Amino acid sequence: MPSEESGYSSNLYYSFEVIAPHVVVLGSYTNYDENSDQYDWLQASFSTISHNITPWLLALFHVPWLNNNHAHQGASHKLMEAMDLLLYVASVDIVFAGHVHAYEPLKCVYNGKSD
């Protein structure tokens, strides 16, 4: 995992570029609030991205923020509260999440509301 190349020494979260997209992988199971190293790292990482040079910004994390699986409702609500604004301001184009093991497409969502 390219954690050191993305400015952090742990493999809990990291980022990398693959041709056109810049990919950010967030840690669902480590500190992510506004006072955390992950939050500071993500904010610094987003500040270096130019959409003119890197037209696509993708975010990946394990636990989905929104889903229809009743067993996992709210499992990542606090992560969403902490990181939603950062992803919105950075103009993240696509978010991928796992954990539920089901395909579920969503509309563009920010602050709990879809466009």
N, C-alpha and C. Protein backbone atom coordinates (compact mmCIF):
# COMPACT_ATOMS: atom_id res chain seq x y z
N MET A 1 0.84 -1.17 0.00
CA MET A 1 0.00 0.00 0.00
C MET A 1 0.90 1.24 0.00
N PRO A 2 0.59 2.20 -0.82
CA PRO A 2 1.49 3.36 -0.98
C PRO A 2 1.31 4.43 0.09
N SER A 3 1.30 4.04 1.35
CA SER A 3 1.06 5.00 2.42
C SER A 3 2.17 6.04 2.53
N GLU A 4 3.42 5.61 2.50
CA GLU A 4 4.52 6.56 2.63
C GLU A 4 4.55 7.55 1.47
N GLU A 5 4.28 7.07 0.25
CA GLU A 5 4.26 7.94 -0.92
C GLU A 5 3.15 8.98 -0.83
N SER A 6 2.10 8.69 -0.07
CA SER A 6 0.99 9.62 0.04
C SER A 6 1.07 10.48 1.30
N GLY A 7 2.22 10.46 1.95
CA GLY A 7 2.45 11.37 3.07
C GLY A 7 2.06 10.86 4.44
N TYR A 8 1.95 9.53 4.59
CA TYR A 8 1.62 8.99 5.90
C TYR A 8 2.35 7.67 6.08
N SER A 9 2.68 7.32 7.29
CA SER A 9 3.51 6.14 7.52
C SER A 9 2.72 4.88 7.84
N SER A 10 1.42 4.94 7.87
CA SER A 10 0.59 3.78 8.18
C SER A 10 -0.20 3.37 6.94
N ASN A 11 -0.54 2.09 6.83
CA ASN A 11 -1.33 1.64 5.68
C ASN A 11 -2.84 1.70 5.96
N LEU A 12 -3.26 2.41 7.00
CA LEU A 12 -4.68 2.50 7.32
C LEU A 12 -5.43 3.41 6.34
N TYR A 13 -4.73 4.36 5.72
CA TYR A 13 -5.30 5.22 4.68
C TYR A 13 -4.15 5.74 3.82
N TYR A 14 -4.46 5.97 2.55
CA TYR A 14 -3.42 6.37 1.60
C TYR A 14 -4.08 6.86 0.33
N SER A 15 -3.27 7.37 -0.59
CA SER A 15 -3.79 7.80 -1.89
C SER A 15 -2.74 7.51 -2.96
N PHE A 16 -3.20 7.49 -4.20
CA PHE A 16 -2.30 7.26 -5.33
C PHE A 16 -2.99 7.73 -6.60
N GLU A 17 -2.22 7.90 -7.66
CA GLU A 17 -2.77 8.29 -8.95
C GLU A 17 -2.57 7.17 -9.94
N VAL A 18 -3.61 6.94 -10.75
CA VAL A 18 -3.57 5.93 -11.80
C VAL A 18 -4.00 6.62 -13.08
N ILE A 19 -3.06 7.00 -13.90
CA ILE A 19 -3.29 7.74 -15.14
C ILE A 19 -4.11 8.99 -14.83
N ALA A 20 -5.43 9.00 -15.05
CA ALA A 20 -6.22 10.22 -14.84
C ALA A 20 -6.79 10.36 -13.44
N PRO A 21 -7.24 9.31 -12.78
CA PRO A 21 -7.84 9.53 -11.46
C PRO A 21 -6.83 9.58 -10.32
N HIS A 22 -7.20 10.35 -9.32
CA HIS A 22 -6.50 10.34 -8.03
C HIS A 22 -7.40 9.54 -7.10
N VAL A 23 -6.87 8.52 -6.46
CA VAL A 23 -7.65 7.61 -5.62
C VAL A 23 -7.26 7.83 -4.16
N VAL A 24 -8.26 8.04 -3.33
CA VAL A 24 -8.06 8.21 -1.90
C VAL A 24 -8.74 7.03 -1.20
N VAL A 25 -7.98 6.33 -0.36
CA VAL A 25 -8.51 5.20 0.40
C VAL A 25 -8.54 5.61 1.86
N LEU A 26 -9.75 5.63 2.43
CA LEU A 26 -9.92 6.06 3.81
C LEU A 26 -10.08 4.87 4.75
N GLY A 27 -9.69 5.04 5.98
CA GLY A 27 -9.80 3.99 6.99
C GLY A 27 -11.08 4.12 7.78
N SER A 28 -11.99 3.18 7.61
CA SER A 28 -13.25 3.20 8.34
C SER A 28 -13.08 2.83 9.80
N TYR A 29 -11.99 2.14 10.13
CA TYR A 29 -11.80 1.63 11.48
C TYR A 29 -10.64 2.27 12.22
N THR A 30 -10.33 3.50 11.86
CA THR A 30 -9.31 4.26 12.59
C THR A 30 -9.89 5.65 12.83
N ASN A 31 -9.24 6.44 13.65
CA ASN A 31 -9.77 7.77 13.96
C ASN A 31 -9.95 8.59 12.70
N TYR A 32 -11.08 9.29 12.61
CA TYR A 32 -11.38 10.08 11.41
C TYR A 32 -12.04 11.41 11.75
N ASP A 33 -12.18 11.74 13.02
CA ASP A 33 -12.83 13.00 13.36
C ASP A 33 -11.94 14.20 13.01
N GLU A 34 -12.43 15.41 13.22
CA GLU A 34 -11.72 16.61 12.81
C GLU A 34 -10.38 16.80 13.51
N ASN A 35 -10.13 16.10 14.59
CA ASN A 35 -8.86 16.20 15.31
C ASN A 35 -7.93 15.03 15.03
N SER A 36 -8.27 14.18 14.07
CA SER A 36 -7.49 12.98 13.81
C SER A 36 -6.40 13.22 12.76
N ASP A 37 -5.40 12.35 12.80
CA ASP A 37 -4.36 12.40 11.77
C ASP A 37 -4.94 12.13 10.39
N GLN A 38 -5.91 11.22 10.29
CA GLN A 38 -6.51 10.88 9.00
C GLN A 38 -7.21 12.11 8.40
N TYR A 39 -7.95 12.83 9.21
CA TYR A 39 -8.66 14.02 8.74
C TYR A 39 -7.66 15.06 8.23
N ASP A 40 -6.62 15.31 9.02
CA ASP A 40 -5.58 16.27 8.61
C ASP A 40 -4.90 15.83 7.33
N TRP A 41 -4.57 14.52 7.24
CA TRP A 41 -3.93 13.99 6.05
C TRP A 41 -4.82 14.16 4.82
N LEU A 42 -6.13 13.84 4.96
CA LEU A 42 -7.04 13.95 3.83
C LEU A 42 -7.17 15.40 3.38
N GLN A 43 -7.30 16.30 4.30
CA GLN A 43 -7.41 17.72 3.96
C GLN A 43 -6.16 18.19 3.22
N ALA A 44 -4.98 17.79 3.69
CA ALA A 44 -3.73 18.16 3.02
C ALA A 44 -3.63 17.49 1.65
N SER A 45 -4.06 16.24 1.55
CA SER A 45 -4.02 15.51 0.28
C SER A 45 -4.90 16.18 -0.77
N PHE A 46 -6.11 16.56 -0.37
CA PHE A 46 -7.03 17.23 -1.30
C PHE A 46 -6.50 18.58 -1.75
N SER A 47 -5.76 19.26 -0.90
CA SER A 47 -5.26 20.60 -1.26
C SER A 47 -4.20 20.55 -2.37
N THR A 48 -3.64 19.37 -2.63
CA THR A 48 -2.59 19.25 -3.66
C THR A 48 -3.16 18.82 -5.02
N ILE A 49 -4.44 18.54 -5.08
CA ILE A 49 -5.04 18.00 -6.31
C ILE A 49 -5.57 19.13 -7.18
N SER A 50 -5.21 19.10 -8.44
CA SER A 50 -5.75 20.04 -9.42
C SER A 50 -6.63 19.26 -10.39
N HIS A 51 -7.89 19.63 -10.48
CA HIS A 51 -8.80 18.93 -11.38
C HIS A 51 -8.45 19.19 -12.85
N ASN A 52 -7.65 20.21 -13.13
CA ASN A 52 -7.19 20.44 -14.50
C ASN A 52 -6.16 19.38 -14.91
N ILE A 53 -5.37 18.93 -13.95
CA ILE A 53 -4.34 17.91 -14.22
C ILE A 53 -4.88 16.51 -13.95
N THR A 54 -5.63 16.37 -12.88
CA THR A 54 -6.21 15.09 -12.47
C THR A 54 -7.73 15.25 -12.49
N PRO A 55 -8.37 14.90 -13.61
CA PRO A 55 -9.80 15.20 -13.75
C PRO A 55 -10.74 14.35 -12.90
N TRP A 56 -10.29 13.22 -12.41
CA TRP A 56 -11.17 12.34 -11.63
C TRP A 56 -10.62 12.17 -10.23
N LEU A 57 -11.51 12.26 -9.26
CA LEU A 57 -11.16 12.04 -7.86
C LEU A 57 -12.08 10.97 -7.31
N LEU A 58 -11.49 9.85 -6.88
CA LEU A 58 -12.25 8.71 -6.37
C LEU A 58 -11.94 8.50 -4.89
N ALA A 59 -12.94 8.14 -4.12
CA ALA A 59 -12.75 7.83 -2.71
C ALA A 59 -13.22 6.40 -2.47
N LEU A 60 -12.45 5.65 -1.69
CA LEU A 60 -12.79 4.28 -1.34
C LEU A 60 -12.73 4.14 0.16
N PHE A 61 -13.68 3.42 0.72
CA PHE A 61 -13.63 3.05 2.13
C PHE A 61 -14.45 1.79 2.33
N HIS A 62 -14.25 1.15 3.45
CA HIS A 62 -14.85 -0.17 3.65
C HIS A 62 -16.35 -0.11 3.96
N VAL A 63 -16.73 0.64 4.96
CA VAL A 63 -18.13 0.65 5.40
C VAL A 63 -18.90 1.74 4.66
N PRO A 64 -19.98 1.37 3.94
CA PRO A 64 -20.73 2.38 3.19
C PRO A 64 -21.45 3.36 4.11
N TRP A 65 -21.52 4.60 3.66
CA TRP A 65 -22.22 5.62 4.43
C TRP A 65 -23.72 5.43 4.36
N LEU A 66 -24.20 5.04 3.20
CA LEU A 66 -25.64 4.85 2.99
C LEU A 66 -25.86 3.51 2.33
N ASN A 67 -26.85 2.77 2.76
CA ASN A 67 -27.20 1.50 2.12
C ASN A 67 -28.56 1.05 2.59
N ASN A 68 -29.13 0.09 1.89
CA ASN A 68 -30.45 -0.41 2.24
C ASN A 68 -30.42 -1.68 3.07
N ASN A 69 -29.25 -2.18 3.40
CA ASN A 69 -29.12 -3.39 4.20
C ASN A 69 -29.40 -3.06 5.66
N HIS A 70 -30.48 -3.57 6.20
CA HIS A 70 -30.90 -3.21 7.55
C HIS A 70 -29.87 -3.62 8.61
N ALA A 71 -29.10 -4.64 8.35
CA ALA A 71 -28.10 -5.08 9.32
C ALA A 71 -26.95 -4.08 9.46
N HIS A 72 -26.78 -3.20 8.48
CA HIS A 72 -25.65 -2.27 8.50
C HIS A 72 -26.08 -0.81 8.51
N GLN A 73 -27.33 -0.54 8.84
CA GLN A 73 -27.80 0.85 8.88
C GLN A 73 -27.04 1.63 9.94
N GLY A 74 -26.50 2.77 9.54
CA GLY A 74 -25.81 3.65 10.48
C GLY A 74 -24.44 3.18 10.89
N ALA A 75 -23.92 2.12 10.28
CA ALA A 75 -22.62 1.57 10.69
C ALA A 75 -21.49 2.56 10.47
N SER A 76 -21.65 3.48 9.55
CA SER A 76 -20.58 4.43 9.26
C SER A 76 -21.08 5.87 9.32
N HIS A 77 -22.13 6.10 10.08
CA HIS A 77 -22.72 7.43 10.15
C HIS A 77 -21.73 8.47 10.68
N LYS A 78 -20.94 8.11 11.68
CA LYS A 78 -19.99 9.08 12.25
C LYS A 78 -18.88 9.41 11.26
N LEU A 79 -18.43 8.43 10.47
CA LEU A 79 -17.43 8.70 9.44
C LEU A 79 -18.01 9.66 8.41
N MET A 80 -19.27 9.45 8.03
CA MET A 80 -19.92 10.34 7.08
C MET A 80 -20.01 11.76 7.65
N GLU A 81 -20.39 11.90 8.90
CA GLU A 81 -20.48 13.22 9.52
C GLU A 81 -19.13 13.93 9.50
N ALA A 82 -18.06 13.18 9.74
CA ALA A 82 -16.73 13.78 9.81
C ALA A 82 -16.16 14.13 8.44
N MET A 83 -16.38 13.29 7.44
CA MET A 83 -15.69 13.43 6.16
C MET A 83 -16.55 13.95 5.00
N ASP A 84 -17.85 13.98 5.14
CA ASP A 84 -18.75 14.34 4.04
C ASP A 84 -18.40 15.70 3.44
N LEU A 85 -18.22 16.70 4.26
CA LEU A 85 -17.92 18.03 3.75
C LEU A 85 -16.58 18.07 3.01
N LEU A 86 -15.58 17.37 3.53
CA LEU A 86 -14.28 17.34 2.85
C LEU A 86 -14.39 16.75 1.45
N LEU A 87 -15.12 15.65 1.32
CA LEU A 87 -15.29 15.02 0.01
C LEU A 87 -16.10 15.90 -0.93
N TYR A 88 -17.09 16.59 -0.40
CA TYR A 88 -17.92 17.47 -1.21
C TYR A 88 -17.12 18.66 -1.72
N VAL A 89 -16.38 19.32 -0.84
CA VAL A 89 -15.59 20.49 -1.22
C VAL A 89 -14.51 20.11 -2.22
N ALA A 90 -13.95 18.92 -2.08
CA ALA A 90 -12.90 18.46 -3.01
C ALA A 90 -13.46 18.00 -4.34
N SER A 91 -14.78 17.95 -4.47
CA SER A 91 -15.46 17.51 -5.70
C SER A 91 -15.13 16.06 -6.06
N VAL A 92 -15.24 15.18 -5.06
CA VAL A 92 -15.04 13.76 -5.31
C VAL A 92 -16.08 13.30 -6.33
N ASP A 93 -15.63 12.60 -7.37
CA ASP A 93 -16.51 12.19 -8.45
C ASP A 93 -17.23 10.88 -8.17
N ILE A 94 -16.54 9.91 -7.60
CA ILE A 94 -17.11 8.59 -7.37
C ILE A 94 -16.64 8.06 -6.02
N VAL A 95 -17.56 7.44 -5.30
CA VAL A 95 -17.24 6.80 -4.03
C VAL A 95 -17.54 5.31 -4.15
N PHE A 96 -16.59 4.48 -3.73
CA PHE A 96 -16.79 3.03 -3.68
C PHE A 96 -16.68 2.59 -2.24
N ALA A 97 -17.61 1.74 -1.82
CA ALA A 97 -17.57 1.19 -0.47
C ALA A 97 -17.91 -0.29 -0.55
N GLY A 98 -17.48 -1.04 0.44
CA GLY A 98 -17.72 -2.47 0.45
C GLY A 98 -18.57 -2.86 1.64
N HIS A 99 -18.17 -3.86 2.35
CA HIS A 99 -18.72 -4.33 3.61
C HIS A 99 -20.06 -5.06 3.46
N VAL A 100 -20.99 -4.53 2.69
CA VAL A 100 -22.33 -5.11 2.60
C VAL A 100 -22.36 -6.28 1.62
N HIS A 101 -21.42 -6.37 0.69
CA HIS A 101 -21.32 -7.44 -0.29
C HIS A 101 -22.54 -7.49 -1.22
N ALA A 102 -22.99 -6.32 -1.63
CA ALA A 102 -24.10 -6.22 -2.57
C ALA A 102 -23.90 -4.97 -3.41
N TYR A 103 -24.29 -5.03 -4.66
CA TYR A 103 -24.21 -3.87 -5.53
C TYR A 103 -25.40 -2.96 -5.27
N GLU A 104 -25.13 -1.72 -5.00
CA GLU A 104 -26.21 -0.78 -4.75
C GLU A 104 -25.80 0.61 -5.25
N PRO A 105 -26.25 0.99 -6.43
CA PRO A 105 -25.89 2.32 -6.94
C PRO A 105 -26.69 3.40 -6.23
N LEU A 106 -26.05 4.53 -6.01
CA LEU A 106 -26.71 5.66 -5.37
C LEU A 106 -26.60 6.89 -6.24
N LYS A 107 -27.48 7.80 -6.04
CA LYS A 107 -27.37 9.10 -6.69
C LYS A 107 -26.32 9.91 -5.97
N CYS A 108 -26.01 11.06 -6.51
CA CYS A 108 -25.09 11.98 -5.87
C CYS A 108 -25.71 12.41 -4.54
N VAL A 109 -25.00 12.22 -3.44
CA VAL A 109 -25.52 12.52 -2.12
C VAL A 109 -24.53 13.39 -1.38
N TYR A 110 -25.04 14.46 -0.78
CA TYR A 110 -24.24 15.30 0.11
C TYR A 110 -25.13 15.73 1.26
N ASN A 111 -24.62 15.63 2.45
CA ASN A 111 -25.34 16.04 3.65
C ASN A 111 -26.68 15.32 3.77
N GLY A 112 -26.70 14.05 3.35
CA GLY A 112 -27.89 13.23 3.47
C GLY A 112 -28.96 13.47 2.43
N LYS A 113 -28.68 14.32 1.45
CA LYS A 113 -29.67 14.64 0.42
C LYS A 113 -29.08 14.35 -0.96
N SER A 114 -29.91 13.85 -1.87
CA SER A 114 -29.46 13.57 -3.23
C SER A 114 -29.88 14.69 -4.17
N ASP A 115 -29.10 14.85 -5.24
CA ASP A 115 -29.43 15.87 -6.24
C ASP A 115 -30.62 15.46 -7.06
